[in-house]
C-alpha atoms as a PDB file:
ATOM      1  CA  MET A   1      81.005  21.783 -41.507  1.00  0.00           C
ATOM      2  CA  LEU A   2      79.221  19.070 -43.483  1.00  0.00           C
ATOM      3  CA  HIS A   3      81.299  16.365 -45.168  1.00  0.00           C
ATOM      4  CA  LEU A   4      79.375  14.602 -47.925  1.00  0.00           C
ATOM      5  CA  TYR A   5      80.797  11.278 -49.115  1.00  0.00           C
ATOM      6  CA  ILE A   6      79.325  10.279 -52.468  1.00  0.00           C
ATOM      7  CA  ALA A   7      79.745   6.738 -53.776  1.00  0.00           C
ATOM      8  CA  ARG A   8      78.454   5.030 -56.877  1.00  0.00           C
ATOM      9  CA  HIS A   9      76.978   1.563 -56.438  1.00  0.00           C
ATOM     10  CA  GLY A  10      79.310  -1.365 -56.990  1.00  0.00           C
ATOM     11  CA  GLN A  11      79.733  -3.104 -60.313  1.00  0.00           C
ATOM     12  CA  THR A  12      76.672  -5.110 -61.346  1.00  0.00           C
ATOM     13  CA  GLN A  13      76.210  -8.076 -63.639  1.00  0.00           C
ATOM     14  CA  TRP A  14      74.566  -5.782 -66.194  1.00  0.00           C
ATOM     15  CA  ASN A  15      77.555  -3.419 -66.038  1.00  0.00           C
ATOM     16  CA  VAL A  16      79.715  -6.379 -67.061  1.00  0.00           C
ATOM     17  CA  GLU A  17      77.260  -7.351 -69.816  1.00  0.00           C
ATOM     18  CA  LYS A  18      77.035  -3.700 -70.960  1.00  0.00           C
ATOM     19  CA  ARG A  19      73.278  -3.617 -70.437  1.00  0.00           C
ATOM     20  CA  MET A  20      71.443  -0.394 -69.689  1.00  0.00           C
ATOM     21  CA  GLN A  21      69.951  -0.500 -66.189  1.00  0.00           C
ATOM     22  CA  GLY A  22      67.984   2.653 -65.509  1.00  0.00           C
ATOM     23  CA  TRP A  23      65.267   1.810 -62.996  1.00  0.00           C
ATOM     24  CA  LEU A  24      65.744  -1.951 -63.398  1.00  0.00           C
ATOM     25  CA  ASP A  25      68.245  -3.788 -61.225  1.00  0.00           C
ATOM     26  CA  SER A  26      70.833  -6.498 -61.482  1.00  0.00           C
ATOM     27  CA  ASP A  27      72.947  -8.093 -58.785  1.00  0.00           C
ATOM     28  CA  LEU A  28      76.309  -6.803 -57.671  1.00  0.00           C
ATOM     29  CA  THR A  29      79.260  -8.837 -58.918  1.00  0.00           C
ATOM     30  CA  GLU A  30      81.942 -10.177 -56.608  1.00  0.00           C
ATOM     31  CA  LEU A  31      84.091  -7.213 -57.684  1.00  0.00           C
ATOM     32  CA  GLY A  32      81.257  -4.821 -56.821  1.00  0.00           C
ATOM     33  CA  LEU A  33      80.909  -6.358 -53.371  1.00  0.00           C
ATOM     34  CA  TYR A  34      84.680  -6.375 -52.854  1.00  0.00           C
ATOM     35  CA  ASN A  35      84.987  -2.703 -53.806  1.00  0.00           C
ATOM     36  CA  ALA A  36      82.115  -1.719 -51.495  1.00  0.00           C
ATOM     37  CA  ARG A  37      83.759  -3.522 -48.587  1.00  0.00           C
ATOM     38  CA  ALA A  38      87.114  -1.923 -49.481  1.00  0.00           C
ATOM     39  CA  LEU A  39      85.494   1.524 -49.386  1.00  0.00           C
ATOM     40  CA  GLY A  40      84.008   0.594 -46.026  1.00  0.00           C
ATOM     41  CA  LYS A  41      87.501  -0.123 -44.715  1.00  0.00           C
ATOM     42  CA  ARG A  42      88.708   3.260 -45.989  1.00  0.00           C
ATOM     43  CA  LEU A  43      85.796   4.970 -44.205  1.00  0.00           C
ATOM     44  CA  LYS A  44      85.978   2.882 -41.003  1.00  0.00           C
ATOM     45  CA  ASP A  45      87.347   5.751 -38.908  1.00  0.00           C
ATOM     46  CA  ILE A  46      84.747   8.235 -40.184  1.00  0.00           C
ATOM     47  CA  GLU A  47      81.764   8.560 -37.875  1.00  0.00           C
ATOM     48  CA  LEU A  48      78.846   8.640 -40.278  1.00  0.00           C
ATOM     49  CA  ASN A  49      75.754  10.482 -39.093  1.00  0.00           C
ATOM     50  CA  GLN A  50      73.393   9.570 -41.923  1.00  0.00           C
ATOM     51  CA  VAL A  51      73.295   7.383 -45.026  1.00  0.00           C
ATOM     52  CA  TYR A  52      71.147   8.236 -48.039  1.00  0.00           C
ATOM     53  CA  ILE A  53      70.630   5.817 -50.895  1.00  0.00           C
ATOM     54  CA  SER A  54      68.737   5.532 -54.118  1.00  0.00           C
ATOM     55  CA  PRO A  55      65.870   3.034 -53.745  1.00  0.00           C
ATOM     56  CA  SER A  56      67.563   0.535 -56.083  1.00  0.00           C
ATOM     57  CA  LYS A  57      68.705  -2.838 -54.780  1.00  0.00           C
ATOM     58  CA  ARG A  58      72.237  -2.222 -56.100  1.00  0.00           C
ATOM     59  CA  THR A  59      72.705   0.938 -54.023  1.00  0.00           C
ATOM     60  CA  GLU A  60      71.259  -0.735 -50.920  1.00  0.00           C
ATOM     61  CA  GLU A  61      73.602  -3.720 -51.264  1.00  0.00           C
ATOM     62  CA  THR A  62      76.537  -1.381 -51.820  1.00  0.00           C
ATOM     63  CA  ALA A  63      75.677   0.743 -48.774  1.00  0.00           C
ATOM     64  CA  LYS A  64      75.268  -2.318 -46.537  1.00  0.00           C
ATOM     65  CA  ASN A  65      78.657  -3.621 -47.640  1.00  0.00           C
ATOM     66  CA  ILE A  66      80.272  -0.224 -47.071  1.00  0.00           C
ATOM     67  CA  LEU A  67      78.790  -0.056 -43.575  1.00  0.00           C
ATOM     68  CA  GLY A  68      79.712  -3.625 -42.643  1.00  0.00           C
ATOM     69  CA  SER A  69      78.827  -4.063 -38.958  1.00  0.00           C
ATOM     70  CA  ARG A  70      77.801  -0.436 -38.446  1.00  0.00           C
ATOM     71  CA  ARG A  71      74.114  -0.087 -37.693  1.00  0.00           C
ATOM     72  CA  LEU A  72      72.833   3.031 -39.390  1.00  0.00           C
ATOM     73  CA  PRO A  73      69.430   3.353 -41.017  1.00  0.00           C
ATOM     74  CA  LEU A  74      69.458   3.736 -44.791  1.00  0.00           C
ATOM     75  CA  VAL A  75      67.315   6.637 -45.943  1.00  0.00           C
ATOM     76  CA  LYS A  76      65.909   5.738 -49.359  1.00  0.00           C
ATOM     77  CA  ASP A  77      65.391   8.868 -51.407  1.00  0.00           C
ATOM     78  CA  TYR A  78      63.648   8.485 -54.754  1.00  0.00           C
ATOM     79  CA  MET A  79      65.189  11.756 -55.876  1.00  0.00           C
ATOM     80  CA  PHE A  80      68.521   9.888 -56.197  1.00  0.00           C
ATOM     81  CA  LYS A  81      67.110   7.193 -58.499  1.00  0.00           C
ATOM     82  CA  GLU A  82      68.985   6.373 -61.674  1.00  0.00           C
ATOM     83  CA  MET A  83      67.782   8.105 -64.806  1.00  0.00           C
ATOM     84  CA  SER A  84      64.809   6.362 -66.388  1.00  0.00           C
ATOM     85  CA  LEU A  85      65.831   4.786 -69.699  1.00  0.00           C
ATOM     86  CA  GLY A  86      62.462   3.433 -70.804  1.00  0.00           C
ATOM     87  CA  SER A  87      62.647   0.808 -73.546  1.00  0.00           C
ATOM     88  CA  TRP A  88      66.444   0.663 -73.291  1.00  0.00           C
ATOM     89  CA  GLU A  89      66.392  -0.852 -69.799  1.00  0.00           C
ATOM     90  CA  GLY A  90      67.794  -4.380 -69.842  1.00  0.00           C
ATOM     91  CA  LYS A  91      69.031  -4.092 -73.426  1.00  0.00           C
ATOM     92  CA  LYS A  92      72.649  -4.451 -74.438  1.00  0.00           C
ATOM     93  CA  GLN A  93      74.393  -1.270 -75.521  1.00  0.00           C
ATOM     94  CA  GLU A  94      75.506  -2.828 -78.819  1.00  0.00           C
ATOM     95  CA  ASP A  95      71.875  -3.593 -79.731  1.00  0.00           C
ATOM     96  CA  ILE A  96      70.735  -0.069 -78.912  1.00  0.00           C
ATOM     97  CA  GLU A  97      73.644   1.413 -80.860  1.00  0.00           C
ATOM     98  CA  ARG A  98      72.710  -0.731 -83.874  1.00  0.00           C
ATOM     99  CA  ASP A  99      68.961   0.019 -83.683  1.00  0.00           C
ATOM    100  CA  GLU A 100      69.053   3.681 -82.606  1.00  0.00           C
ATOM    101  CA  PRO A 101      72.526   4.996 -83.476  1.00  0.00           C
ATOM    102  CA  ASP A 102      71.734   8.716 -83.335  1.00  0.00           C
ATOM    103  CA  LEU A 103      69.941   8.543 -79.989  1.00  0.00           C
ATOM    104  CA  PHE A 104      72.631   6.261 -78.576  1.00  0.00           C
ATOM    105  CA  HIS A 105      75.370   8.655 -79.697  1.00  0.00           C
ATOM    106  CA  ALA A 106      73.517  11.611 -78.168  1.00  0.00           C
ATOM    107  CA  TYR A 107      73.155   9.773 -74.836  1.00  0.00           C
ATOM    108  CA  PHE A 108      76.894   9.164 -74.504  1.00  0.00           C
ATOM    109  CA  HIS A 109      78.382  12.158 -76.356  1.00  0.00           C
ATOM    110  CA  HIS A 110      75.805  14.975 -76.468  1.00  0.00           C
ATOM    111  CA  PRO A 111      73.578  14.578 -73.420  1.00  0.00           C
ATOM    112  CA  GLU A 112      71.969  17.973 -74.052  1.00  0.00           C
ATOM    113  CA  ALA A 113      70.501  16.511 -77.275  1.00  0.00           C
ATOM    114  CA  TYR A 114      69.313  13.204 -75.772  1.00  0.00           C
ATOM    115  CA  ARG A 115      65.515  12.917 -75.847  1.00  0.00           C
ATOM    116  CA  GLN A 116      63.725   9.579 -75.571  1.00  0.00           C
ATOM    117  CA  PRO A 117      59.907   9.626 -75.470  1.00  0.00           C
ATOM    118  CA  GLY A 118      58.541   9.025 -71.973  1.00  0.00           C
ATOM    119  CA  CYS A 119      61.973   9.263 -70.328  1.00  0.00           C
ATOM    120  CA  GLU A 120      63.837  11.875 -68.377  1.00  0.00           C
ATOM    121  CA  THR A 121      66.318  14.119 -70.079  1.00  0.00           C
ATOM    122  CA  PHE A 122      69.695  14.820 -68.544  1.00  0.00           C
ATOM    123  CA  PHE A 123      68.328  18.268 -67.645  1.00  0.00           C
ATOM    124  CA  ASP A 124      65.431  16.614 -65.769  1.00  0.00           C
ATOM    125  CA  LEU A 125      67.880  14.365 -63.931  1.00  0.00           C
ATOM    126  CA  GLU A 126      70.137  17.281 -63.032  1.00  0.00           C
ATOM    127  CA  SER A 127      67.224  19.287 -61.629  1.00  0.00           C
ATOM    128  CA  ARG A 128      66.009  16.340 -59.568  1.00  0.00           C
ATOM    129  CA  VAL A 129      69.453  15.613 -58.113  1.00  0.00           C
ATOM    130  CA  ARG A 130      70.193  19.281 -57.376  1.00  0.00           C
ATOM    131  CA  LEU A 131      66.956  19.497 -55.388  1.00  0.00           C
ATOM    132  CA  ALA A 132      67.807  16.299 -53.478  1.00  0.00           C
ATOM    133  CA  LEU A 133      71.321  17.516 -52.677  1.00  0.00           C
ATOM    134  CA  GLN A 134      69.915  20.827 -51.443  1.00  0.00           C
ATOM    135  CA  THR A 135      67.600  18.891 -49.133  1.00  0.00           C
ATOM    136  CA  ILE A 136      70.621  17.126 -47.629  1.00  0.00           C
ATOM    137  CA  LEU A 137      72.438  20.437 -47.214  1.00  0.00           C
ATOM    138  CA  ASP A 138      69.374  21.962 -45.554  1.00  0.00           C
ATOM    139  CA  SER A 139      69.019  18.967 -43.201  1.00  0.00           C
ATOM    140  CA  HIS A 140      72.664  18.633 -42.159  1.00  0.00           C
ATOM    141  CA  SER A 141      74.720  21.687 -41.293  1.00  0.00           C
ATOM    142  CA  SER A 142      77.581  19.526 -40.033  1.00  0.00           C
ATOM    143  CA  GLY A 143      78.700  15.947 -39.648  1.00  0.00           C
ATOM    144  CA  ASN A 144      79.445  13.162 -42.097  1.00  0.00           C
ATOM    145  CA  VAL A 145      76.836  11.991 -44.585  1.00  0.00           C
ATOM    146  CA  LEU A 146      77.222   9.110 -47.006  1.00  0.00           C
ATOM    147  CA  LEU A 147      75.253   9.095 -50.242  1.00  0.00           C
ATOM    148  CA  VAL A 148      75.232   5.906 -52.330  1.00  0.00           C
ATOM    149  CA  THR A 149      73.744   6.497 -55.725  1.00  0.00           C
ATOM    150  CA  HIS A 150      74.453   6.133 -59.457  1.00  0.00           C
ATOM    151  CA  SER A 151      76.978   7.561 -61.896  1.00  0.00           C
END
């Protein structure tokens, strides 16, 4: 039987600042690092067979802190990337809400209605992640797999 452990990256500086990240990155905070190491302690007795991560720096840092001294290769899979947020990336949520209130509201409360030119929809993201998860299921019939990705 396959056991899939799914973790979100640790808290980042932009999470604290309430900035939209998307494909851009910001550093993990001390709390983010602490929580990743704490999860590593909880998983210390689990023999992990494979670790998949999004290609973002924040998921890589989180995975390395979860693993601690374990030496497992990190498989970067672009299918687990965060949703592209286009012009919103790096902007504070309060500024987006002020400038684009309807689109901002749709993003957080009606994802089926969210459409930003040149960006993925939530349906696009769901399709991409479903395909990536199926690839993991097809590749691992048993064992313990860790996936570090986004919310």
